[in-house]
């Protein structure tokens, strides 16, 4: 296995991780922004108000995007397994 091939596999793995994590991270960020704007406008500084909506939104995102994430992981794993003979060279 050459260095270029190893870099290609690592790059595609990191890209896959970012693509799978992006929906949850973006939804958590948007919900956090909305809650912080709500807190700033109403002067409510309750600490649990920031965490509960984010947790609920991220769990909802996992439920909504779970099948896509699972199929994406299966496709990536299949591609990696199919390239095992190329790694032996």
N, C-alpha and C. Protein backbone atom coordinates (compact mmCIF):
# COMPACT_ATOMS: atom_id res chain seq x y z
N UNK A 1 0.86 -1.17 0.00
CA UNK A 1 0.00 0.00 0.00
C UNK A 1 0.90 1.23 0.00
N UNK A 2 0.63 2.12 -0.92
CA UNK A 2 1.43 3.33 -1.02
C UNK A 2 0.92 4.39 -0.05
N UNK A 3 1.73 5.40 0.14
CA UNK A 3 1.36 6.51 1.03
C UNK A 3 0.15 7.25 0.46
N UNK A 4 0.11 7.43 -0.84
CA UNK A 4 -1.02 8.12 -1.47
C UNK A 4 -2.34 7.38 -1.27
N UNK A 5 -2.28 6.04 -1.35
CA UNK A 5 -3.48 5.24 -1.13
C UNK A 5 -3.95 5.33 0.31
N UNK A 6 -3.00 5.32 1.25
CA UNK A 6 -3.35 5.45 2.66
C UNK A 6 -3.95 6.82 2.95
N UNK A 7 -3.40 7.85 2.34
CA UNK A 7 -3.95 9.20 2.51
C UNK A 7 -5.35 9.28 1.93
N UNK A 8 -5.58 8.64 0.79
CA UNK A 8 -6.91 8.63 0.18
C UNK A 8 -7.93 7.95 1.09
N UNK A 9 -7.56 6.84 1.70
CA UNK A 9 -8.47 6.14 2.61
C UNK A 9 -8.75 6.99 3.84
N UNK A 10 -7.72 7.60 4.40
CA UNK A 10 -7.92 8.44 5.58
C UNK A 10 -8.78 9.66 5.24
N UNK A 11 -8.54 10.27 4.10
CA UNK A 11 -9.33 11.44 3.69
C UNK A 11 -10.79 11.06 3.50
N UNK A 12 -11.05 9.94 2.86
CA UNK A 12 -12.44 9.54 2.66
C UNK A 12 -13.10 9.16 3.98
N UNK A 13 -12.35 8.59 4.92
CA UNK A 13 -12.90 8.29 6.23
C UNK A 13 -13.26 9.53 7.02
N UNK A 14 -12.40 10.52 6.99
CA UNK A 14 -12.68 11.78 7.69
C UNK A 14 -13.87 12.49 7.05
N UNK A 15 -13.94 12.48 5.72
CA UNK A 15 -15.07 13.08 5.02
C UNK A 15 -16.37 12.38 5.40
N UNK A 16 -16.31 11.05 5.49
CA UNK A 16 -17.50 10.28 5.87
C UNK A 16 -17.96 10.63 7.28
N UNK A 17 -17.03 10.76 8.20
CA UNK A 17 -17.36 11.14 9.58
C UNK A 17 -18.01 12.52 9.62
N UNK A 18 -17.45 13.46 8.89
CA UNK A 18 -18.01 14.81 8.86
C UNK A 18 -19.41 14.82 8.26
N UNK A 19 -19.63 14.05 7.21
CA UNK A 19 -20.95 14.02 6.59
C UNK A 19 -21.99 13.37 7.51
N UNK A 20 -21.58 12.38 8.28
CA UNK A 20 -22.53 11.73 9.18
C UNK A 20 -22.83 12.59 10.40
N UNK A 21 -21.88 13.37 10.86
CA UNK A 21 -22.08 14.18 12.06
C UNK A 21 -22.71 15.53 11.76
N UNK A 22 -22.63 15.98 10.52
CA UNK A 22 -23.09 17.33 10.18
C UNK A 22 -24.55 17.61 10.50
N UNK A 23 -25.49 16.71 10.19
CA UNK A 23 -26.89 17.06 10.50
C UNK A 23 -27.14 17.31 11.98
N UNK A 24 -26.59 16.45 12.84
CA UNK A 24 -26.80 16.64 14.27
C UNK A 24 -26.12 17.91 14.78
N UNK A 25 -24.92 18.17 14.30
CA UNK A 25 -24.20 19.37 14.74
C UNK A 25 -24.90 20.64 14.29
N UNK A 26 -25.37 20.66 13.06
CA UNK A 26 -26.05 21.86 12.55
C UNK A 26 -27.37 22.10 13.26
N UNK A 27 -28.13 21.04 13.48
CA UNK A 27 -29.40 21.21 14.19
C UNK A 27 -29.17 21.65 15.62
N UNK A 28 -28.18 21.08 16.28
CA UNK A 28 -27.84 21.52 17.64
C UNK A 28 -27.40 22.97 17.68
N UNK A 29 -26.64 23.39 16.67
CA UNK A 29 -26.19 24.77 16.63
C UNK A 29 -27.35 25.74 16.40
N UNK A 30 -28.26 25.40 15.50
CA UNK A 30 -29.40 26.27 15.23
C UNK A 30 -30.31 26.37 16.45
N UNK A 31 -30.59 25.24 17.09
CA UNK A 31 -31.44 25.26 18.28
C UNK A 31 -30.76 26.06 19.40
N UNK A 32 -29.46 25.90 19.57
CA UNK A 32 -28.73 26.68 20.57
C UNK A 32 -28.79 28.16 20.30
N UNK A 33 -28.69 28.53 19.03
CA UNK A 33 -28.77 29.95 18.67
C UNK A 33 -30.16 30.51 18.95
N UNK A 34 -31.19 29.75 18.60
CA UNK A 34 -32.56 30.21 18.86
C UNK A 34 -32.80 30.35 20.35
N UNK A 35 -32.35 29.39 21.14
CA UNK A 35 -32.55 29.45 22.59
C UNK A 35 -31.77 30.61 23.19
N UNK A 36 -30.57 30.86 22.71
CA UNK A 36 -29.79 31.97 23.25
C UNK A 36 -30.42 33.32 22.88
N UNK A 37 -30.97 33.43 21.70
CA UNK A 37 -31.68 34.67 21.33
C UNK A 37 -32.91 34.84 22.20
N UNK A 38 -33.64 33.75 22.44
CA UNK A 38 -34.81 33.80 23.32
C UNK A 38 -34.41 34.21 24.74
N UNK A 39 -33.31 33.66 25.24
CA UNK A 39 -32.84 34.02 26.58
C UNK A 39 -32.41 35.48 26.65
N UNK A 40 -31.78 35.96 25.60
CA UNK A 40 -31.32 37.35 25.60
C UNK A 40 -32.50 38.33 25.55
N UNK A 41 -33.53 37.97 24.82
CA UNK A 41 -34.66 38.90 24.70
C UNK A 41 -35.56 38.88 25.93
N UNK A 42 -35.65 37.73 26.60
CA UNK A 42 -36.54 37.65 27.77
C UNK A 42 -35.80 37.78 29.09
N UNK A 43 -34.50 37.86 29.06
CA UNK A 43 -33.65 37.95 30.26
C UNK A 43 -33.82 36.76 31.19
N UNK A 44 -34.17 35.61 30.64
CA UNK A 44 -34.23 34.37 31.41
C UNK A 44 -32.86 33.71 31.32
N UNK A 45 -32.22 33.48 32.44
CA UNK A 45 -30.87 32.91 32.43
C UNK A 45 -30.86 31.52 33.08
N UNK A 46 -31.84 30.72 32.79
CA UNK A 46 -31.92 29.36 33.33
C UNK A 46 -30.96 28.46 32.54
N UNK A 47 -30.10 27.74 33.26
CA UNK A 47 -29.09 26.91 32.60
C UNK A 47 -29.69 25.69 31.91
N UNK A 48 -30.72 25.10 32.51
CA UNK A 48 -31.31 23.91 31.90
C UNK A 48 -32.07 24.24 30.63
N UNK A 49 -32.44 25.48 30.45
CA UNK A 49 -33.16 25.88 29.24
C UNK A 49 -32.28 25.73 28.00
N UNK A 50 -30.98 25.79 28.15
CA UNK A 50 -30.10 25.65 26.99
C UNK A 50 -29.89 24.20 26.60
N UNK A 51 -29.92 23.28 27.56
CA UNK A 51 -29.57 21.90 27.26
C UNK A 51 -30.75 21.05 26.82
N UNK A 52 -31.90 21.20 27.43
CA UNK A 52 -33.03 20.32 27.14
C UNK A 52 -33.49 20.45 25.68
N UNK A 53 -33.67 21.65 25.13
CA UNK A 53 -34.08 21.72 23.72
C UNK A 53 -33.02 21.17 22.77
N UNK A 54 -31.74 21.39 23.08
CA UNK A 54 -30.68 20.87 22.21
C UNK A 54 -30.67 19.35 22.22
N UNK A 55 -30.81 18.76 23.40
CA UNK A 55 -30.82 17.30 23.49
C UNK A 55 -32.00 16.73 22.72
N UNK A 56 -33.17 17.34 22.90
CA UNK A 56 -34.36 16.86 22.20
C UNK A 56 -34.20 17.00 20.68
N UNK A 57 -33.65 18.11 20.24
CA UNK A 57 -33.47 18.32 18.80
C UNK A 57 -32.44 17.35 18.21
N UNK A 58 -31.37 17.10 18.94
CA UNK A 58 -30.35 16.17 18.44
C UNK A 58 -30.88 14.75 18.41
N UNK A 59 -31.65 14.36 19.42
CA UNK A 59 -32.26 13.03 19.40
C UNK A 59 -33.25 12.90 18.25
N UNK A 60 -33.99 13.96 17.97
CA UNK A 60 -34.89 13.95 16.82
C UNK A 60 -34.13 13.84 15.51
N UNK A 61 -32.99 14.52 15.44
CA UNK A 61 -32.16 14.45 14.23
C UNK A 61 -31.58 13.05 14.04
N UNK A 62 -31.19 12.43 15.14
CA UNK A 62 -30.67 11.06 15.05
C UNK A 62 -31.78 10.12 14.55
N UNK A 63 -33.00 10.32 15.05
CA UNK A 63 -34.11 9.49 14.60
C UNK A 63 -34.44 9.75 13.13
N UNK A 64 -34.36 11.00 12.71
CA UNK A 64 -34.70 11.34 11.32
C UNK A 64 -33.60 10.93 10.34
N UNK A 65 -32.35 11.17 10.71
CA UNK A 65 -31.24 10.90 9.80
C UNK A 65 -30.59 9.55 10.04
N UNK A 66 -31.06 8.78 11.01
CA UNK A 66 -30.46 7.49 11.33
C UNK A 66 -30.39 6.52 10.17
N UNK A 67 -31.49 6.32 9.43
CA UNK A 67 -31.40 5.39 8.29
C UNK A 67 -30.39 5.83 7.23
N UNK A 68 -30.33 7.13 6.97
CA UNK A 68 -29.36 7.62 5.99
C UNK A 68 -27.93 7.41 6.49
N UNK A 69 -27.70 7.67 7.76
CA UNK A 69 -26.36 7.49 8.33
C UNK A 69 -25.97 6.02 8.26
N UNK A 70 -26.89 5.14 8.62
CA UNK A 70 -26.60 3.71 8.59
C UNK A 70 -26.30 3.22 7.18
N UNK A 71 -27.09 3.64 6.21
CA UNK A 71 -26.81 3.21 4.83
C UNK A 71 -25.50 3.80 4.32
N UNK A 72 -25.20 5.02 4.73
CA UNK A 72 -23.93 5.63 4.33
C UNK A 72 -22.74 4.88 4.93
N UNK A 73 -22.87 4.47 6.18
CA UNK A 73 -21.79 3.70 6.81
C UNK A 73 -21.63 2.33 6.15
N UNK A 74 -22.74 1.69 5.80
CA UNK A 74 -22.67 0.39 5.14
C UNK A 74 -22.00 0.52 3.78
N UNK A 75 -22.35 1.55 3.02
CA UNK A 75 -21.73 1.75 1.71
C UNK A 75 -20.24 2.03 1.84
N UNK A 76 -19.86 2.85 2.82
CA UNK A 76 -18.44 3.14 3.01
C UNK A 76 -17.68 1.89 3.41
N UNK A 77 -18.24 1.12 4.33
CA UNK A 77 -17.58 -0.11 4.77
C UNK A 77 -17.46 -1.09 3.62
N UNK A 78 -18.47 -1.19 2.78
CA UNK A 78 -18.41 -2.07 1.61
C UNK A 78 -17.31 -1.62 0.66
N UNK A 79 -17.21 -0.32 0.43
CA UNK A 79 -16.13 0.19 -0.45
C UNK A 79 -14.75 -0.12 0.12
N UNK A 80 -14.60 0.03 1.43
CA UNK A 80 -13.30 -0.26 2.04
C UNK A 80 -12.97 -1.74 1.95
N UNK A 81 -13.96 -2.60 2.20
CA UNK A 81 -13.72 -4.04 2.13
C UNK A 81 -13.39 -4.46 0.70
N UNK A 82 -14.04 -3.85 -0.28
CA UNK A 82 -13.75 -4.19 -1.67
C UNK A 82 -12.34 -3.74 -2.09
N UNK A 83 -11.77 -2.80 -1.37
CA UNK A 83 -10.44 -2.30 -1.72
C UNK A 83 -9.33 -3.01 -0.96
N UNK A 84 -9.66 -4.02 -0.18
CA UNK A 84 -8.63 -4.76 0.56
C UNK A 84 -7.58 -5.36 -0.38
N UNK A 85 -7.96 -5.94 -1.52
CA UNK A 85 -6.90 -6.45 -2.42
C UNK A 85 -5.93 -5.36 -2.89
N UNK A 86 -6.41 -4.14 -3.07
CA UNK A 86 -5.53 -3.04 -3.47
C UNK A 86 -4.55 -2.69 -2.36
N UNK A 87 -4.93 -2.96 -1.11
CA UNK A 87 -4.06 -2.65 0.01
C UNK A 87 -2.91 -3.62 0.13
N UNK A 88 -3.04 -4.81 -0.44
CA UNK A 88 -2.00 -5.82 -0.32
C UNK A 88 -0.80 -5.50 -1.21
N UNK A 89 -0.98 -4.67 -2.20
CA UNK A 89 0.13 -4.36 -3.13
C UNK A 89 1.13 -3.45 -2.51
